[in-house]
Amino acid sequence: MHEVERVTSGVRYAVPCFFTTCPVPEAAYDQMVAGKPKTDEDIADDWLHLLLAHREESPLESTGRVKELLMKWHYMCTPLSEH
């Protein structure tokens, strides 16, 4: 079970996902194409790139894209002020 805080205002959107108790090593972000998102535009670009591959890709590239999505999930779904 993944426990979250009670919603006190606004709306919570939940998407099924995998969770881990181990943080992503900082070095892993350095190896990514864009690293950690720093702006709302970066987050939008990550959603587009990581969910919708707009090009042919090999199975290895596809696996890497999904792995990057899972590693960045927290940053993409959390307000920038909480990073």
Protein backbone atom coordinates (compact mmCIF):
# COMPACT_ATOMS: atom_id res chain seq x y z
CA MET A 1 0.00 0.00 0.00
CA HIS A 2 1.21 3.51 -0.81
CA GLU A 3 0.06 6.01 1.82
CA VAL A 4 -0.45 9.66 0.90
CA GLU A 5 -1.47 12.81 2.76
CA ARG A 6 -5.14 13.84 2.91
CA VAL A 7 -6.21 16.32 0.24
CA THR A 8 -6.93 19.64 1.97
CA SER A 9 -7.76 21.65 -1.15
CA GLY A 10 -7.87 21.17 -4.88
CA VAL A 11 -7.97 17.82 -6.65
CA ARG A 12 -5.64 14.84 -6.50
CA TYR A 13 -5.07 12.95 -9.72
CA ALA A 14 -3.82 9.42 -9.21
CA VAL A 15 -2.23 7.22 -11.83
CA PRO A 16 -1.25 3.60 -11.20
CA CYS A 17 2.50 3.43 -10.90
CA PHE A 18 5.36 1.48 -9.40
CA PHE A 19 6.87 2.71 -6.17
CA THR A 20 10.23 2.14 -4.55
CA THR A 21 11.77 2.92 -1.20
CA CYS A 22 15.15 3.60 -2.79
CA PRO A 23 15.83 7.09 -4.17
CA VAL A 24 17.18 7.48 -7.67
CA PRO A 25 20.95 8.15 -7.49
CA GLU A 26 21.84 11.71 -8.52
CA ALA A 27 24.29 10.33 -11.11
CA ALA A 28 21.38 8.71 -12.96
CA TYR A 29 19.87 12.13 -13.70
CA ASP A 30 23.18 13.27 -15.20
CA GLN A 31 22.98 10.41 -17.72
CA MET A 32 19.49 11.38 -18.91
CA VAL A 33 18.87 13.51 -21.96
CA ALA A 34 17.29 16.35 -19.96
CA GLY A 35 17.98 15.53 -16.30
CA LYS A 36 15.61 16.76 -13.58
CA PRO A 37 12.89 19.13 -14.77
CA LYS A 38 13.45 22.70 -13.55
CA THR A 39 10.48 24.49 -15.15
CA ASP A 40 6.88 23.70 -16.08
CA GLU A 41 8.02 23.62 -19.71
CA ASP A 42 10.63 20.96 -18.83
CA ILE A 43 7.89 18.88 -17.21
CA ALA A 44 5.64 19.27 -20.26
CA ASP A 45 8.53 18.23 -22.52
CA ASP A 46 9.17 15.17 -20.36
CA TRP A 47 5.51 14.11 -20.50
CA LEU A 48 5.55 14.44 -24.28
CA HIS A 49 8.90 12.73 -24.81
CA LEU A 50 8.56 9.96 -22.24
CA LEU A 51 4.93 8.98 -22.85
CA LEU A 52 4.64 9.56 -26.58
CA ALA A 53 7.56 8.37 -28.61
CA HIS A 54 7.11 10.27 -31.87
CA ARG A 55 9.73 8.30 -33.74
CA GLU A 56 10.81 4.77 -34.48
CA GLU A 57 12.91 3.38 -31.65
CA SER A 58 14.66 0.14 -30.93
CA PRO A 59 13.55 -2.10 -28.06
CA LEU A 60 16.59 -0.90 -26.08
CA GLU A 61 15.66 2.76 -26.63
CA SER A 62 12.07 2.04 -25.63
CA THR A 63 13.21 0.32 -22.44
CA GLY A 64 15.44 3.28 -21.59
CA ARG A 65 12.58 5.72 -22.16
CA VAL A 66 10.27 3.78 -19.82
CA LYS A 67 13.02 3.51 -17.20
CA GLU A 68 13.59 7.28 -17.38
CA LEU A 69 9.83 7.85 -16.98
CA LEU A 70 9.75 5.75 -13.82
CA MET A 71 12.82 7.50 -12.39
CA LYS A 72 11.39 10.98 -13.12
CA TRP A 73 7.81 10.22 -12.10
CA HIS A 74 8.07 12.03 -8.76
CA TYR A 75 9.46 15.20 -10.36
CA MET A 76 6.86 15.16 -13.11
CA CYS A 77 3.88 14.77 -10.74
CA THR A 78 4.98 17.07 -7.92
CA PRO A 79 4.70 20.88 -7.97
CA LEU A 80 8.06 22.57 -8.62
CA SER A 81 7.89 24.23 -5.20
CA GLU A 82 8.07 20.76 -3.60
CA HIS A 83 11.23 19.56 -5.36
